[in-house]
Amino acid sequence: MNKKILSDYLDSLEQHGIPGCDCAVIYKHETVFRHTTGYADSERKKPLTDKNTYWLYSATKLFTCTAVMQLIEKGLIGLDSPVSDYLPEYRNMKVKSGDKTVPAKKQITIRHLMSMQSGLNYNLEAPSIIKIIEDTNNEATTRQVIEALANEPLEFEPGTHFLYSLSHDVLGAVIEVVSGQRLGEYFDNHIFKPLGMRNTGFELTPERKANMSDLFEYDMKTKASLPIPNRNRYVLTKNYESGGAGLISTVDDYLLYLDAMCHGGISKEGHRILSMESIDLMRQDQMNETSKKDFDLFERHGYSYALGVRTLIEREKSGVRSPLGEFGWDGAAGAYALIDVTNNLAIFYIQHVLKCGFVYHEIHPKLRDLTYEMLGL
C-alpha cells in the first residue's frame, strides 16, 4: 500500500493556500491511513493535531438524515407524509409566481425536505427569521425559528426542482416534535453515545472552543486563506440547533459514524444505527430530469442527489474510481465524507476554510481517487 501518494498530495495543499488539513481512511473497520498537516492557527504556531475541533457546516446534514431514517424505521415518520403532519404551520404554504405569491398546489413532504426539492431557499436574512430573532432577543429555539420560516414563500412547487436550502434545518424541527427531545439530545442518545462519539455536538463547550481550529476564508485572487472571526453564521440564535450546518466535531469522532455507515449501519462494537435497507434507500437517486439539471450546477461530476447525500450514478464519463452507490456529503469549510458499503470503506477529510470553491471539484475528487489507487481498488 503506497500511502505516500495520498500524504504527498495533502502536504501539497499548503502551496495552494490551505493552512492545514486532516484526512483519514477507514477500511474494513481499521484506520488504514491518517495524515494531519499544516497549522490550526493563522500565526502558524500551533500544528494541527487529532485533538482539533471544527465546525462541520453541511457535513452535519448526514446526521440529520440518519436520524430521520431511524424514525422512519420505527414508523414514527413517513417518507412521503406531508411535513404539516408534524409541523402544522407548513400546511398552507405560499409559492412565488412572478412578482406575487399564490397558494402552493402541493404539500411539502419529508422526501422533498430530504432531497432538497421542498421549494425552500437558504436565505438566512429572510424577514421572518430576522423578526423571530429580534422578538426573542436572540434566544429563539429551533422550533420557533422553523415555525417562523413557514411564513416565507417557496421558490417553486414542491417536488419540481432541486434547490439547496434550509430543508434539513426543518427536518431538525420534525425530529424534535416526533422524538420529544431537542435535536442535540436525540443525536446524543441515538447516534453519538451508541457510537462512542464523545466530542460532537451543537454546544461550543470550553474544551471544544480551546481546541477549535482557526477559521479562514479563501481569497481567489491571492490564492491565500485569510483568518476571519470563528463563528458559524448558520447558528441563528443562542438556542438554535441547526440540523443543516450546526455541529462541531473532530476527525476521530466523525470516523466512528462513517465506519458504522460503510458497514451497513453497524459499528465495530456491534451497535446498529441504521439497517442496510435504510442505507440503500438513503443513497437512492431522488432527482427528476429538471432537478438533476439543477443539481449538476454543483459540479459533483458523476453524482446525483438522494436523501440528504450525493450518490454516485455514473462512472465512465466522469472517471470516478469508486463504485456506483458510493455516497456522502461535504461542508462549507471544506469537510468531505465518503461512504462505500461495497468495499466497507470510508474517507473523511477536513479543512477550516470558507469560500474555497476548488475544494469540491478538485481536492475532494483527487482524495477519493488517490485513496482507491492506494488501496488497489
Protein backbone atom coordinates (compact mmCIF):
# COMPACT_ATOMS: atom_id res chain seq x y z
CA MET A 1 0.00 0.00 0.00
CA ASN A 2 1.63 3.22 -1.14
CA LYS A 3 0.40 5.76 1.41
CA LYS A 4 2.87 8.35 0.14
CA ILE A 5 0.72 9.21 -2.90
CA LEU A 6 -2.03 10.45 -0.57
CA SER A 7 0.14 12.06 2.12
CA ASP A 8 2.23 13.90 -0.51
CA TYR A 9 -0.93 15.30 -2.06
CA LEU A 10 -2.22 16.51 1.32
CA ASP A 11 1.14 18.15 2.06
CA SER A 12 0.99 19.89 -1.33
CA LEU A 13 -2.24 21.71 -0.46
CA GLU A 14 -0.33 24.27 1.60
CA GLN A 15 1.12 25.55 -1.70
CA HIS A 16 -2.46 26.23 -2.82
CA GLY A 17 -3.27 28.29 0.27
CA ILE A 18 -4.77 25.63 2.57
CA PRO A 19 -3.31 26.34 6.06
CA GLY A 20 -3.95 22.86 7.44
CA CYS A 21 -5.97 19.71 6.87
CA ASP A 22 -6.59 16.24 8.29
CA CYS A 23 -7.56 13.13 6.35
CA ALA A 24 -8.34 9.57 7.42
CA VAL A 25 -9.38 6.39 5.65
CA ILE A 26 -11.31 3.53 7.29
CA TYR A 27 -11.21 0.14 5.53
CA LYS A 28 -12.92 -2.94 6.96
CA HIS A 29 -13.13 -1.39 10.45
CA GLU A 30 -9.45 -0.38 10.50
CA THR A 31 -7.90 3.07 10.09
CA VAL A 32 -5.51 2.32 7.23
CA PHE A 33 -4.47 5.93 6.61
CA ARG A 34 -4.24 9.11 8.70
CA HIS A 35 -2.35 12.25 7.84
CA THR A 36 -2.51 15.65 9.52
CA THR A 37 -0.57 18.56 8.06
CA GLY A 38 -0.29 22.31 8.49
CA TYR A 39 -1.42 24.61 11.27
CA ALA A 40 -4.53 25.26 13.34
CA ASP A 41 -3.85 28.98 13.74
CA SER A 42 -3.19 31.94 11.49
CA GLU A 43 0.18 32.65 13.17
CA ARG A 44 1.39 29.14 12.23
CA LYS A 45 2.45 28.41 15.80
CA LYS A 46 0.03 25.56 16.56
CA PRO A 47 0.44 22.46 14.37
CA LEU A 48 -2.89 20.82 13.55
CA THR A 49 -3.44 17.66 15.66
CA ASP A 50 -6.08 14.96 16.07
CA LYS A 51 -7.46 16.92 19.06
CA ASN A 52 -8.66 19.84 16.94
CA THR A 53 -12.37 20.57 16.62
CA TYR A 54 -14.09 22.08 13.61
CA TRP A 55 -17.43 23.46 12.51
CA LEU A 56 -18.83 20.70 10.29
CA TYR A 57 -21.20 23.02 8.44
CA SER A 58 -23.17 20.89 5.94
CA ALA A 59 -21.38 17.69 6.93
CA THR A 60 -23.94 17.99 9.78
CA LYS A 61 -26.66 17.00 7.30
CA LEU A 62 -25.66 13.32 7.27
CA PHE A 63 -26.56 13.02 10.96
CA THR A 64 -29.90 14.76 10.50
CA CYS A 65 -30.88 12.50 7.61
CA THR A 66 -29.65 9.43 9.51
CA ALA A 67 -31.89 10.45 12.42
CA VAL A 68 -34.88 10.83 10.08
CA MET A 69 -34.19 7.38 8.61
CA GLN A 70 -34.10 5.95 12.14
CA LEU A 71 -37.52 7.43 12.87
CA ILE A 72 -38.85 6.14 9.53
CA GLU A 73 -37.64 2.65 10.53
CA LYS A 74 -39.63 2.97 13.77
CA GLY A 75 -42.76 4.05 11.87
CA LEU A 76 -42.77 7.46 13.55
CA ILE A 77 -42.16 9.42 10.33
CA GLY A 78 -43.50 8.68 6.85
CA LEU A 79 -41.12 9.47 3.99
CA ASP A 80 -43.99 10.68 1.81
CA SER A 81 -46.02 12.20 4.63
CA PRO A 82 -46.73 15.94 4.49
CA VAL A 83 -44.42 17.96 6.72
CA SER A 84 -47.59 19.56 8.10
CA ASP A 85 -48.38 16.26 9.84
CA TYR A 86 -45.54 17.17 12.22
CA LEU A 87 -45.28 20.95 11.77
CA PRO A 88 -48.84 22.26 11.20
CA GLU A 89 -47.57 25.71 10.19
CA TYR A 90 -46.37 24.19 6.89
CA ARG A 91 -49.90 23.21 5.78
CA ASN A 92 -50.83 26.25 3.68
CA MET A 93 -47.62 27.42 2.07
CA LYS A 94 -47.36 30.19 -0.49
CA VAL A 95 -45.21 29.92 -3.62
CA LYS A 96 -43.63 32.71 -5.69
CA SER A 97 -45.29 33.38 -9.04
CA GLY A 98 -43.68 36.27 -10.87
CA ASP A 99 -43.79 39.28 -8.55
CA LYS A 100 -46.61 37.90 -6.41
CA THR A 101 -47.31 34.81 -4.31
CA VAL A 102 -50.05 32.23 -4.74
CA PRO A 103 -51.17 29.24 -2.65
CA ALA A 104 -48.94 26.21 -3.27
CA LYS A 105 -50.75 23.37 -5.05
CA LYS A 106 -48.67 20.67 -3.37
CA GLN A 107 -47.75 19.99 0.23
CA ILE A 108 -44.07 19.68 1.16
CA THR A 109 -43.28 16.08 2.14
CA ILE A 110 -40.45 14.64 4.22
CA ARG A 111 -38.95 13.26 0.98
CA HIS A 112 -38.98 16.77 -0.50
CA LEU A 113 -37.07 18.09 2.51
CA MET A 114 -34.50 15.30 2.46
CA SER A 115 -33.90 15.60 -1.29
CA MET A 116 -33.80 19.43 -1.32
CA GLN A 117 -36.89 19.63 -3.54
CA SER A 118 -39.05 21.45 -0.97
CA GLY A 119 -39.04 24.90 -2.56
CA LEU A 120 -37.32 26.45 0.46
CA ASN A 121 -34.16 28.54 0.00
CA TYR A 122 -31.04 29.31 2.08
CA ASN A 123 -31.80 32.95 2.88
CA LEU A 124 -30.68 33.37 6.48
CA GLU A 125 -31.81 37.01 6.36
CA ALA A 126 -35.42 36.24 5.44
CA PRO A 127 -37.78 38.76 7.13
CA SER A 128 -39.49 36.07 9.24
CA ILE A 129 -36.15 34.78 10.55
CA ILE A 130 -34.90 38.27 11.38
CA LYS A 131 -38.18 39.08 13.17
CA ILE A 132 -38.20 35.98 15.40
CA ILE A 133 -34.53 36.56 16.32
CA GLU A 134 -35.31 40.17 17.29
CA ASP A 135 -38.59 39.32 19.07
CA THR A 136 -36.85 36.71 21.24
CA ASN A 137 -33.70 38.75 21.88
CA ASN A 138 -31.58 36.19 20.02
CA GLU A 139 -32.91 33.30 22.12
CA ALA A 140 -35.39 31.63 19.74
CA THR A 141 -35.40 27.84 19.80
CA THR A 142 -35.12 25.62 16.75
CA ARG A 143 -38.88 25.12 16.72
CA GLN A 144 -39.56 28.85 16.96
CA VAL A 145 -37.25 29.71 14.06
CA ILE A 146 -38.60 26.93 11.85
CA GLU A 147 -42.18 27.92 12.68
CA ALA A 148 -41.36 31.49 11.61
CA LEU A 149 -39.74 30.23 8.40
CA ALA A 150 -43.11 28.85 7.28
CA ASN A 151 -44.22 32.43 6.66
CA GLU A 152 -41.76 32.75 3.77
CA PRO A 153 -42.96 31.90 0.23
CA LEU A 154 -41.50 28.88 -1.58
CA GLU A 155 -39.32 29.37 -4.67
CA PHE A 156 -41.25 26.69 -6.61
CA GLU A 157 -43.87 23.97 -6.22
CA PRO A 158 -42.54 21.17 -4.01
CA GLY A 159 -41.04 18.29 -5.95
CA THR A 160 -40.41 20.19 -9.18
CA HIS A 161 -36.81 21.43 -8.72
CA PHE A 162 -33.65 20.93 -6.64
CA LEU A 163 -32.52 23.92 -4.55
CA TYR A 164 -30.01 23.66 -1.69
CA SER A 165 -31.81 25.15 1.26
CA LEU A 166 -32.80 25.19 4.92
CA SER A 167 -34.74 21.95 4.31
CA HIS A 168 -32.58 19.93 6.70
CA ASP A 169 -32.99 22.56 9.41
CA VAL A 170 -36.74 21.98 9.04
CA LEU A 171 -36.07 18.24 9.38
CA GLY A 172 -34.34 19.05 12.67
CA ALA A 173 -37.60 20.55 13.94
CA VAL A 174 -39.52 17.48 12.72
CA ILE A 175 -37.12 15.25 14.69
CA GLU A 176 -37.72 17.36 17.80
CA VAL A 177 -41.50 17.12 17.51
CA VAL A 178 -41.55 13.38 16.80
CA SER A 179 -38.96 12.40 19.43
CA GLY A 180 -39.96 14.88 22.13
CA GLN A 181 -36.28 15.80 22.51
CA ARG A 182 -34.09 18.67 21.43
CA LEU A 183 -32.20 17.80 18.28
CA GLY A 184 -28.87 17.59 20.09
CA GLU A 185 -30.36 15.29 22.73
CA TYR A 186 -31.74 12.99 20.04
CA PHE A 187 -28.36 12.86 18.30
CA ASP A 188 -26.64 12.11 21.63
CA ASN A 189 -29.00 9.31 22.58
CA HIS A 190 -29.37 7.60 19.22
CA ILE A 191 -26.15 8.28 17.28
CA PHE A 192 -23.30 9.87 19.23
CA LYS A 193 -23.32 7.92 22.51
CA PRO A 194 -24.00 4.49 20.93
CA LEU A 195 -21.03 5.05 18.58
CA GLY A 196 -18.75 6.49 21.27
CA MET A 197 -18.67 9.99 19.72
CA ARG A 198 -17.74 11.98 22.82
CA ASN A 199 -16.66 15.22 21.19
CA THR A 200 -19.51 16.06 18.82
CA GLY A 201 -22.41 18.39 19.47
CA PHE A 202 -24.06 21.75 18.93
CA GLU A 203 -22.61 23.36 22.06
CA LEU A 204 -19.31 25.21 21.84
CA THR A 205 -18.09 23.90 25.21
CA PRO A 206 -14.91 25.36 26.77
CA GLU A 207 -12.96 22.26 25.67
CA ARG A 208 -14.26 22.41 22.09
CA LYS A 209 -13.55 26.13 21.95
CA ALA A 210 -9.99 25.65 23.23
CA ASN A 211 -9.30 23.03 20.56
CA MET A 212 -11.11 24.80 17.73
CA SER A 213 -9.05 25.33 14.60
CA ASP A 214 -8.97 28.93 13.45
CA LEU A 215 -11.48 29.70 10.71
CA PHE A 216 -10.28 31.06 7.37
CA GLU A 217 -11.75 32.46 4.19
CA TYR A 218 -10.17 31.81 0.80
CA ASP A 219 -9.14 34.68 -1.44
CA MET A 220 -9.21 33.51 -5.06
CA LYS A 221 -7.10 36.48 -6.22
CA THR A 222 -4.17 35.88 -3.86
CA LYS A 223 -4.69 32.10 -3.52
CA ALA A 224 -4.41 32.52 0.24
CA SER A 225 -6.54 31.71 3.28
CA LEU A 226 -7.22 34.74 5.47
CA PRO A 227 -8.29 34.41 9.14
CA ILE A 228 -11.83 35.50 9.96
CA PRO A 229 -13.91 35.56 13.20
CA ASN A 230 -14.50 31.98 14.34
CA ARG A 231 -18.29 31.88 14.32
CA ASN A 232 -20.87 29.86 12.41
CA ARG A 233 -23.42 32.10 10.66
CA TYR A 234 -25.85 29.16 10.39
CA VAL A 235 -26.22 29.08 14.18
CA LEU A 236 -29.01 31.63 14.10
CA THR A 237 -29.58 32.15 17.85
CA LYS A 238 -28.18 31.07 21.22
CA ASN A 239 -30.70 28.21 21.37
CA TYR A 240 -30.89 27.26 17.71
CA GLU A 241 -29.61 23.80 16.77
CA SER A 242 -29.10 23.71 13.01
CA GLY A 243 -29.73 20.29 11.50
CA GLY A 244 -28.22 21.63 8.31
CA ALA A 245 -24.93 23.13 9.48
CA GLY A 246 -24.58 23.49 13.25
CA LEU A 247 -22.45 20.64 14.62
CA ILE A 248 -18.91 20.76 15.97
CA SER A 249 -16.78 17.60 15.79
CA THR A 250 -13.36 16.01 15.43
CA VAL A 251 -11.99 13.71 12.75
CA ASP A 252 -11.82 10.79 15.21
CA ASP A 253 -15.49 11.22 16.15
CA TYR A 254 -16.73 11.56 12.59
CA LEU A 255 -14.84 8.40 11.62
CA LEU A 256 -16.86 6.38 14.14
CA TYR A 257 -20.05 7.36 12.31
CA LEU A 258 -18.62 6.72 8.85
CA ASP A 259 -17.23 3.35 9.94
CA ALA A 260 -20.69 2.20 11.01
CA MET A 261 -22.32 3.54 7.84
CA CYS A 262 -19.88 1.80 5.47
CA HIS A 263 -20.54 -1.47 7.30
CA GLY A 264 -24.29 -1.48 6.74
CA GLY A 265 -25.10 0.70 9.76
CA ILE A 266 -23.24 -1.43 12.33
CA SER A 267 -20.24 -0.15 14.32
CA LYS A 268 -17.12 -2.16 15.05
CA GLU A 269 -18.52 -2.80 18.54
CA GLY A 270 -21.80 -4.08 17.11
CA HIS A 271 -24.05 -1.06 17.65
CA ARG A 272 -26.60 -0.67 14.86
CA ILE A 273 -27.63 2.87 13.95
CA LEU A 274 -29.41 2.05 10.66
CA SER A 275 -30.44 -1.00 8.67
CA MET A 276 -28.87 -1.77 5.31
CA GLU A 277 -32.32 -1.29 3.78
CA SER A 278 -32.41 2.28 5.12
CA ILE A 279 -28.91 2.98 3.83
CA ASP A 280 -29.91 1.71 0.38
CA LEU A 281 -32.96 3.98 0.45
CA MET A 282 -30.87 6.91 1.67
CA ARG A 283 -28.50 6.63 -1.32
CA GLN A 284 -31.21 6.11 -3.94
CA ASP A 285 -31.28 8.87 -6.58
CA GLN A 286 -34.24 11.19 -5.98
CA MET A 287 -33.81 13.64 -8.85
CA ASN A 288 -36.29 14.08 -11.70
CA GLU A 289 -34.93 15.36 -15.01
CA THR A 290 -35.32 19.03 -14.10
CA SER A 291 -33.96 18.60 -10.58
CA LYS A 292 -30.92 16.72 -11.92
CA LYS A 293 -30.05 19.71 -14.13
CA ASP A 294 -30.31 21.94 -11.05
CA PHE A 295 -28.02 19.60 -9.07
CA ASP A 296 -25.48 19.41 -11.89
CA LEU A 297 -24.69 23.09 -11.21
CA PHE A 298 -23.00 21.84 -8.02
CA GLU A 299 -20.28 20.22 -10.18
CA ARG A 300 -20.30 16.91 -8.31
CA HIS A 301 -19.41 15.09 -11.52
CA GLY A 302 -20.84 11.57 -11.78
CA TYR A 303 -23.24 12.13 -8.89
CA SER A 304 -26.90 12.83 -8.34
CA TYR A 305 -28.69 13.75 -5.10
CA ALA A 306 -30.52 11.27 -2.91
CA LEU A 307 -31.97 11.57 0.61
CA GLY A 308 -29.58 14.13 2.04
CA VAL A 309 -26.49 12.81 0.27
CA ARG A 310 -24.80 12.85 -3.11
CA THR A 311 -24.91 9.40 -4.70
CA LEU A 312 -22.68 8.07 -7.49
CA ILE A 313 -24.79 7.18 -10.53
CA GLU A 314 -22.22 7.29 -13.35
CA ARG A 315 -18.54 6.32 -13.53
CA GLU A 316 -17.45 6.14 -17.17
CA LYS A 317 -17.70 9.77 -18.33
CA SER A 318 -16.51 11.24 -15.05
CA GLY A 319 -13.71 8.74 -14.45
CA VAL A 320 -14.71 8.21 -10.81
CA ARG A 321 -12.86 5.24 -9.26
CA SER A 322 -15.38 4.46 -6.53
CA PRO A 323 -18.30 2.04 -7.12
CA LEU A 324 -21.85 3.03 -8.05
CA GLY A 325 -23.84 3.87 -4.95
CA GLU A 326 -20.89 5.43 -3.12
CA PHE A 327 -22.37 8.34 -1.18
CA GLY A 328 -21.77 11.14 1.31
CA TRP A 329 -21.63 14.92 1.52
CA ASP A 330 -19.37 17.86 2.36
CA GLY A 331 -19.35 21.19 4.18
CA ALA A 332 -18.92 24.93 3.61
CA ALA A 333 -15.42 24.97 5.16
CA GLY A 334 -14.27 22.01 3.06
CA ALA A 335 -15.17 18.89 5.06
CA TYR A 336 -15.69 15.75 2.92
CA ALA A 337 -17.30 12.43 3.81
CA LEU A 338 -17.33 9.37 1.53
CA ILE A 339 -19.17 6.14 2.34
CA ASP A 340 -18.63 2.97 0.27
CA VAL A 341 -20.62 -0.03 1.53
CA THR A 342 -19.41 -2.22 -1.36
CA ASN A 343 -15.83 -2.14 -0.07
CA ASN A 344 -16.54 -1.25 3.59
CA LEU A 345 -14.54 1.90 3.03
CA ALA A 346 -14.93 5.48 4.25
CA ILE A 347 -12.94 8.69 3.87
CA PHE A 348 -13.11 11.81 6.00
CA TYR A 349 -11.20 14.97 5.14
CA ILE A 350 -11.42 18.30 6.88
CA GLN A 351 -10.05 21.81 6.49
CA HIS A 352 -11.44 25.01 8.02
CA VAL A 353 -11.55 27.34 5.01
CA LEU A 354 -14.76 29.00 3.77
CA LYS A 355 -15.34 30.10 0.14
CA CYS A 356 -12.70 27.67 -1.14
CA GLY A 357 -14.60 26.66 -4.27
CA PHE A 358 -11.97 24.36 -5.77
CA VAL A 359 -12.10 22.02 -2.76
CA TYR A 360 -15.29 20.40 -4.13
CA HIS A 361 -14.31 19.77 -7.74
CA GLU A 362 -10.53 19.40 -7.32
CA ILE A 363 -9.41 18.37 -3.80
CA HIS A 364 -12.26 16.02 -2.85
CA PRO A 365 -12.27 14.04 -6.13
CA LYS A 366 -8.46 13.79 -6.01
CA LEU A 367 -8.54 12.49 -2.44
CA ARG A 368 -11.19 9.94 -3.41
CA ASP A 369 -9.33 8.62 -6.44
CA LEU A 370 -5.92 8.54 -4.72
CA THR A 371 -7.47 6.54 -1.88
CA TYR A 372 -8.77 3.88 -4.27
CA GLU A 373 -5.41 3.84 -6.04
CA MET A 374 -3.60 3.48 -2.71
CA LEU A 375 -5.79 0.52 -1.73
CA GLY A 376 -5.68 -1.08 -5.17
CA LEU A 377 -9.46 -0.91 -5.54
